[in-house]
Amino acid sequence: MPEREGQSIDVTDLPPGRYVLVHRANPERALRESSYANNAASVAIELRGRRVTVLARCPDSASCGTR
């Protein structure tokens, strides 16, 4: 899969552990929408050395893995 601008994150200096990556669309509500309920998505990951494991995907929540 080709890499696209803004679609990668440098995790080189992060210590091993579990992390939640959150993506938000229209966070300042600059665009008017009928519902802002689906403007966040997240993924829970675990870093171990050079290995990244996806633990959970939460397409409609900013709190993946924190429940």
PDB file of N, CA and C in Angstrom:
ATOM      1  N   MET A   1       0.844  -1.173   0.000  1.00  0.00           N
ATOM      2  CA  MET A   1       0.000   0.000   0.000  1.00  0.00           C
ATOM      3  C   MET A   1       0.893   1.241   0.000  1.00  0.00           C
ATOM      4  N   PRO A   2       0.642   2.187  -0.885  1.00  0.00           N
ATOM      5  CA  PRO A   2       1.494   3.374  -0.952  1.00  0.00           C
ATOM      6  C   PRO A   2       1.290   4.259   0.275  1.00  0.00           C
ATOM      7  N   GLU A   3       2.373   4.891   0.701  1.00  0.00           N
ATOM      8  CA  GLU A   3       2.298   5.810   1.833  1.00  0.00           C
ATOM      9  C   GLU A   3       1.805   7.159   1.344  1.00  0.00           C
ATOM     10  N   ARG A   4       0.927   7.756   2.111  1.00  0.00           N
ATOM     11  CA  ARG A   4       0.392   9.062   1.746  1.00  0.00           C
ATOM     12  C   ARG A   4       0.744  10.083   2.805  1.00  0.00           C
ATOM     13  N   GLU A   5       0.877  11.312   2.394  1.00  0.00           N
ATOM     14  CA  GLU A   5       1.198  12.404   3.309  1.00  0.00           C
ATOM     15  C   GLU A   5       0.193  12.433   4.462  1.00  0.00           C
ATOM     16  N   GLY A   6       0.708  12.496   5.677  1.00  0.00           N
ATOM     17  CA  GLY A   6      -0.150  12.559   6.851  1.00  0.00           C
ATOM     18  C   GLY A   6      -0.711  11.222   7.292  1.00  0.00           C
ATOM     19  N   GLN A   7      -0.339  10.138   6.635  1.00  0.00           N
ATOM     20  CA  GLN A   7      -0.892   8.828   6.950  1.00  0.00           C
ATOM     21  C   GLN A   7       0.100   7.931   7.688  1.00  0.00           C
ATOM     22  N   SER A   8       1.182   8.502   8.197  1.00  0.00           N
ATOM     23  CA  SER A   8       2.160   7.710   8.947  1.00  0.00           C
ATOM     24  C   SER A   8       2.510   8.440  10.237  1.00  0.00           C
ATOM     25  N   ILE A   9       2.933   7.671  11.218  1.00  0.00           N
ATOM     26  CA  ILE A   9       3.320   8.221  12.515  1.00  0.00           C
ATOM     27  C   ILE A   9       4.656   7.608  12.899  1.00  0.00           C
ATOM     28  N   ASP A  10       5.599   8.445  13.275  1.00  0.00           N
ATOM     29  CA  ASP A  10       6.904   7.968  13.704  1.00  0.00           C
ATOM     30  C   ASP A  10       6.821   7.544  15.164  1.00  0.00           C
ATOM     31  N   VAL A  11       6.995   6.266  15.427  1.00  0.00           N
ATOM     32  CA  VAL A  11       6.936   5.736  16.790  1.00  0.00           C
ATOM     33  C   VAL A  11       8.311   5.285  17.277  1.00  0.00           C
ATOM     34  N   THR A  12       9.355   5.721  16.594  1.00  0.00           N
ATOM     35  CA  THR A  12      10.721   5.291  16.875  1.00  0.00           C
ATOM     36  C   THR A  12      11.107   5.444  18.343  1.00  0.00           C
ATOM     37  N   ASP A  13      10.811   6.570  18.955  1.00  0.00           N
ATOM     38  CA  ASP A  13      11.256   6.835  20.318  1.00  0.00           C
ATOM     39  C   ASP A  13      10.212   6.513  21.394  1.00  0.00           C
ATOM     40  N   LEU A  14       9.102   5.910  21.006  1.00  0.00           N
ATOM     41  CA  LEU A  14       8.094   5.553  22.003  1.00  0.00           C
ATOM     42  C   LEU A  14       8.488   4.262  22.721  1.00  0.00           C
ATOM     43  N   PRO A  15       8.286   4.221  24.028  1.00  0.00           N
ATOM     44  CA  PRO A  15       8.584   2.982  24.747  1.00  0.00           C
ATOM     45  C   PRO A  15       7.535   1.910  24.441  1.00  0.00           C
ATOM     46  N   PRO A  16       7.883   0.642  24.623  1.00  0.00           N
ATOM     47  CA  PRO A  16       6.898  -0.425  24.426  1.00  0.00           C
ATOM     48  C   PRO A  16       5.686  -0.191  25.328  1.00  0.00           C
ATOM     49  N   GLY A  17       4.529  -0.564  24.843  1.00  0.00           N
ATOM     50  CA  GLY A  17       3.311  -0.418  25.637  1.00  0.00           C
ATOM     51  C   GLY A  17       2.086  -0.367  24.760  1.00  0.00           C
ATOM     52  N   ARG A  18       0.973  -0.096  25.392  1.00  0.00           N
ATOM     53  CA  ARG A  18      -0.314   0.005  24.685  1.00  0.00           C
ATOM     54  C   ARG A  18      -0.657   1.473  24.477  1.00  0.00           C
ATOM     55  N   TYR A  19      -1.170   1.760  23.291  1.00  0.00           N
ATOM     56  CA  TYR A  19      -1.504   3.131  22.912  1.00  0.00           C
ATOM     57  C   TYR A  19      -2.847   3.146  22.196  1.00  0.00           C
ATOM     58  N   VAL A  20      -3.512   4.294  22.215  1.00  0.00           N
ATOM     59  CA  VAL A  20      -4.743   4.498  21.451  1.00  0.00           C
ATOM     60  C   VAL A  20      -4.498   5.656  20.499  1.00  0.00           C
ATOM     61  N   LEU A  21      -4.652   5.390  19.214  1.00  0.00           N
ATOM     62  CA  LEU A  21      -4.535   6.425  18.187  1.00  0.00           C
ATOM     63  C   LEU A  21      -5.948   6.903  17.856  1.00  0.00           C
ATOM     64  N   VAL A  22      -6.138   8.217  17.872  1.00  0.00           N
ATOM     65  CA  VAL A  22      -7.464   8.791  17.626  1.00  0.00           C
ATOM     66  C   VAL A  22      -7.410   9.709  16.415  1.00  0.00           C
ATOM     67  N   HIS A  23      -8.379   9.562  15.546  1.00  0.00           N
ATOM     68  CA  HIS A  23      -8.533  10.445  14.389  1.00  0.00           C
ATOM     69  C   HIS A  23      -9.860  11.175  14.546  1.00  0.00           C
ATOM     70  N   ARG A  24      -9.804  12.495  14.434  1.00  0.00           N
ATOM     71  CA  ARG A  24     -11.025  13.303  14.528  1.00  0.00           C
ATOM     72  C   ARG A  24     -11.213  14.096  13.233  1.00  0.00           C
ATOM     73  N   ALA A  25     -12.438  14.146  12.771  1.00  0.00           N
ATOM     74  CA  ALA A  25     -12.796  14.943  11.601  1.00  0.00           C
ATOM     75  C   ALA A  25     -13.640  16.125  12.075  1.00  0.00           C
ATOM     76  N   ASN A  26     -13.369  17.280  11.511  1.00  0.00           N
ATOM     77  CA  ASN A  26     -14.146  18.479  11.815  1.00  0.00           C
ATOM     78  C   ASN A  26     -14.198  18.763  13.325  1.00  0.00           C
ATOM     79  N   PRO A  27     -13.045  18.755  14.030  1.00  0.00           N
ATOM     80  CA  PRO A  27     -13.063  18.907  15.489  1.00  0.00           C
ATOM     81  C   PRO A  27     -13.574  20.264  15.982  1.00  0.00           C
ATOM     82  N   GLU A  28     -13.385  21.315  15.197  1.00  0.00           N
ATOM     83  CA  GLU A  28     -13.889  22.636  15.601  1.00  0.00           C
ATOM     84  C   GLU A  28     -15.303  22.900  15.105  1.00  0.00           C
ATOM     85  N   ARG A  29     -15.865  21.891  14.451  1.00  0.00           N
ATOM     86  CA  ARG A  29     -17.218  21.990  13.880  1.00  0.00           C
ATOM     87  C   ARG A  29     -17.335  23.157  12.908  1.00  0.00           C
ATOM     88  N   ALA A  30     -16.270  23.342  12.126  1.00  0.00           N
ATOM     89  CA  ALA A  30     -16.258  24.400  11.115  1.00  0.00           C
ATOM     90  C   ALA A  30     -17.231  24.092   9.985  1.00  0.00           C
ATOM     91  N   LEU A  31     -17.459  22.823   9.742  1.00  0.00           N
ATOM     92  CA  LEU A  31     -18.440  22.401   8.749  1.00  0.00           C
ATOM     93  C   LEU A  31     -19.726  21.997   9.457  1.00  0.00           C
ATOM     94  N   ARG A  32     -20.830  22.508   8.993  1.00  0.00           N
ATOM     95  CA  ARG A  32     -22.108  22.166   9.613  1.00  0.00           C
ATOM     96  C   ARG A  32     -22.534  20.778   9.170  1.00  0.00           C
ATOM     97  N   GLU A  33     -22.926  19.964  10.135  1.00  0.00           N
ATOM     98  CA  GLU A  33     -23.361  18.589   9.857  1.00  0.00           C
ATOM     99  C   GLU A  33     -24.678  18.335  10.571  1.00  0.00           C
ATOM    100  N   SER A  34     -25.431  17.375  10.084  1.00  0.00           N
ATOM    101  CA  SER A  34     -26.677  17.017  10.769  1.00  0.00           C
ATOM    102  C   SER A  34     -26.386  16.250  12.053  1.00  0.00           C
ATOM    103  N   SER A  35     -25.216  15.590  12.107  1.00  0.00           N
ATOM    104  CA  SER A  35     -24.806  14.885  13.317  1.00  0.00           C
ATOM    105  C   SER A  35     -23.282  14.885  13.411  1.00  0.00           C
ATOM    106  N   TYR A  36     -22.767  15.151  14.605  1.00  0.00           N
ATOM    107  CA  TYR A  36     -21.323  15.123  14.840  1.00  0.00           C
ATOM    108  C   TYR A  36     -20.925  13.824  15.549  1.00  0.00           C
ATOM    109  N   ALA A  37     -21.853  12.910  15.680  1.00  0.00           N
ATOM    110  CA  ALA A  37     -21.648  11.684  16.460  1.00  0.00           C
ATOM    111  C   ALA A  37     -20.592  10.754  15.866  1.00  0.00           C
ATOM    112  N   ASN A  38     -20.366  10.812  14.571  1.00  0.00           N
ATOM    113  CA  ASN A  38     -19.424   9.879  13.944  1.00  0.00           C
ATOM    114  C   ASN A  38     -18.140  10.566  13.475  1.00  0.00           C
ATOM    115  N   ASN A  39     -17.704  11.589  14.182  1.00  0.00           N
ATOM    116  CA  ASN A  39     -16.534  12.351  13.753  1.00  0.00           C
ATOM    117  C   ASN A  39     -15.229  11.890  14.376  1.00  0.00           C
ATOM    118  N   ALA A  40     -15.224  10.757  15.041  1.00  0.00           N
ATOM    119  CA  ALA A  40     -13.995  10.236  15.631  1.00  0.00           C
ATOM    120  C   ALA A  40     -13.913   8.737  15.403  1.00  0.00           C
ATOM    121  N   ALA A  41     -12.697   8.280  15.244  1.00  0.00           N
ATOM    122  CA  ALA A  41     -12.419   6.850  15.129  1.00  0.00           C
ATOM    123  C   ALA A  41     -11.098   6.606  15.843  1.00  0.00           C
ATOM    124  N   SER A  42     -10.901   5.397  16.331  1.00  0.00           N
ATOM    125  CA  SER A  42      -9.655   5.111  17.037  1.00  0.00           C
ATOM    126  C   SER A  42      -9.251   3.658  16.851  1.00  0.00           C
ATOM    127  N   VAL A  43      -8.013   3.404  17.212  1.00  0.00           N
ATOM    128  CA  VAL A  43      -7.475   2.048  17.156  1.00  0.00           C
ATOM    129  C   VAL A  43      -6.560   1.870  18.360  1.00  0.00           C
ATOM    130  N   ALA A  44      -6.705   0.738  19.048  1.00  0.00           N
ATOM    131  CA  ALA A  44      -5.827   0.407  20.172  1.00  0.00           C
ATOM    132  C   ALA A  44      -4.704  -0.464  19.631  1.00  0.00           C
ATOM    133  N   ILE A  45      -3.464  -0.106  19.946  1.00  0.00           N
ATOM    134  CA  ILE A  45      -2.307  -0.858  19.457  1.00  0.00           C
ATOM    135  C   ILE A  45      -1.358  -1.179  20.608  1.00  0.00           C
ATOM    136  N   GLU A  46      -0.511  -2.146  20.367  1.00  0.00           N
ATOM    137  CA  GLU A  46       0.555  -2.462  21.304  1.00  0.00           C
ATOM    138  C   GLU A  46       1.872  -2.431  20.552  1.00  0.00           C
ATOM    139  N   LEU A  47       2.838  -1.703  21.103  1.00  0.00           N
ATOM    140  CA  LEU A  47       4.170  -1.615  20.513  1.00  0.00           C
ATOM    141  C   LEU A  47       5.123  -2.500  21.307  1.00  0.00           C
ATOM    142  N   ARG A  48       5.879  -3.324  20.572  1.00  0.00           N
ATOM    143  CA  ARG A  48       6.938  -4.149  21.171  1.00  0.00           C
ATOM    144  C   ARG A  48       8.112  -4.120  20.216  1.00  0.00           C
ATOM    145  N   GLY A  49       9.103  -3.306  20.528  1.00  0.00           N
ATOM    146  CA  GLY A  49      10.244  -3.174  19.622  1.00  0.00           C
ATOM    147  C   GLY A  49       9.788  -2.638  18.291  1.00  0.00           C
ATOM    148  N   ARG A  50      10.052  -3.371  17.234  1.00  0.00           N
ATOM    149  CA  ARG A  50       9.645  -2.951  15.884  1.00  0.00           C
ATOM    150  C   ARG A  50       8.295  -3.529  15.499  1.00  0.00           C
ATOM    151  N   ARG A  51       7.633  -4.186  16.417  1.00  0.00           N
ATOM    152  CA  ARG A  51       6.367  -4.873  16.134  1.00  0.00           C
ATOM    153  C   ARG A  51       5.177  -4.061  16.638  1.00  0.00           C
ATOM    154  N   VAL A  52       4.172  -3.902  15.800  1.00  0.00           N
ATOM    155  CA  VAL A  52       2.932  -3.216  16.166  1.00  0.00           C
ATOM    156  C   VAL A  52       1.791  -4.213  16.019  1.00  0.00           C
ATOM    157  N   THR A  53       1.016  -4.385  17.079  1.00  0.00           N
ATOM    158  CA  THR A  53      -0.132  -5.284  17.056  1.00  0.00           C
ATOM    159  C   THR A  53      -1.397  -4.469  17.254  1.00  0.00           C
ATOM    160  N   VAL A  54      -2.371  -4.640  16.362  1.00  0.00           N
ATOM    161  CA  VAL A  54      -3.665  -3.978  16.507  1.00  0.00           C
ATOM    162  C   VAL A  54      -4.496  -4.803  17.484  1.00  0.00           C
ATOM    163  N   LEU A  55      -4.919  -4.161  18.571  1.00  0.00           N
ATOM    164  CA  LEU A  55      -5.707  -4.842  19.597  1.00  0.00           C
ATOM    165  C   LEU A  55      -7.205  -4.685  19.368  1.00  0.00           C
ATOM    166  N   ALA A  56      -7.614  -3.518  18.881  1.00  0.00           N
ATOM    167  CA  ALA A  56      -9.039  -3.258  18.631  1.00  0.00           C
ATOM    168  C   ALA A  56      -9.181  -2.084  17.684  1.00  0.00           C
ATOM    169  N   ARG A  57     -10.231  -2.133  16.876  1.00  0.00           N
ATOM    170  CA  ARG A  57     -10.580  -1.022  15.981  1.00  0.00           C
ATOM    171  C   ARG A  57     -11.944  -0.500  16.395  1.00  0.00           C
ATOM    172  N   CYS A  58     -12.056   0.798  16.532  1.00  0.00           N
ATOM    173  CA  CYS A  58     -13.313   1.416  16.949  1.00  0.00           C
ATOM    174  C   CYS A  58     -13.664   2.531  15.967  1.00  0.00           C
ATOM    175  N   PRO A  59     -14.353   2.212  14.886  1.00  0.00           N
ATOM    176  CA  PRO A  59     -14.618   3.193  13.832  1.00  0.00           C
ATOM    177  C   PRO A  59     -15.524   4.351  14.247  1.00  0.00           C
ATOM    178  N   ASP A  60     -16.283   4.220  15.325  1.00  0.00           N
ATOM    179  CA  ASP A  60     -17.201   5.288  15.734  1.00  0.00           C
ATOM    180  C   ASP A  60     -16.943   5.801  17.145  1.00  0.00           C
ATOM    181  N   SER A  61     -15.706   5.649  17.632  1.00  0.00           N
ATOM    182  CA  SER A  61     -15.403   6.046  19.005  1.00  0.00           C
ATOM    183  C   SER A  61     -13.976   6.556  19.139  1.00  0.00           C
ATOM    184  N   ALA A  62     -13.791   7.573  19.975  1.00  0.00           N
ATOM    185  CA  ALA A  62     -12.456   8.090  20.247  1.00  0.00           C
ATOM    186  C   ALA A  62     -11.833   7.403  21.453  1.00  0.00           C
ATOM    187  N   SER A  63     -12.524   6.442  22.046  1.00  0.00           N
ATOM    188  CA  SER A  63     -12.042   5.822  23.276  1.00  0.00           C
ATOM    189  C   SER A  63     -11.816   4.324  23.128  1.00  0.00           C
ATOM    190  N   CYS A  64     -11.284   3.908  22.018  1.00  0.00           N
ATOM    191  CA  CYS A  64     -11.032   2.493  21.762  1.00  0.00           C
ATOM    192  C   CYS A  64     -10.058   1.912  22.796  1.00  0.00           C
ATOM    193  N   GLY A  65     -10.432   0.812  23.400  1.00  0.00           N
ATOM    194  CA  GLY A  65      -9.545   0.144  24.336  1.00  0.00           C
ATOM    195  C   GLY A  65      -9.504   0.760  25.709  1.00  0.00           C
ATOM    196  N   THR A  66     -10.254   1.832  25.955  1.00  0.00           N
ATOM    197  CA  THR A  66     -10.216   2.466  27.274  1.00  0.00           C
ATOM    198  C   THR A  66     -11.466   2.168  28.073  1.00  0.00           C
ATOM    199  N   ARG A  67     -12.308   1.308  27.554  1.00  0.00           N
ATOM    200  CA  ARG A  67     -13.573   0.991  28.264  1.00  0.00           C
ATOM    201  C   ARG A  67     -13.350  -0.075  29.290  1.00  0.00           C
TER     202      ARG A  67
END
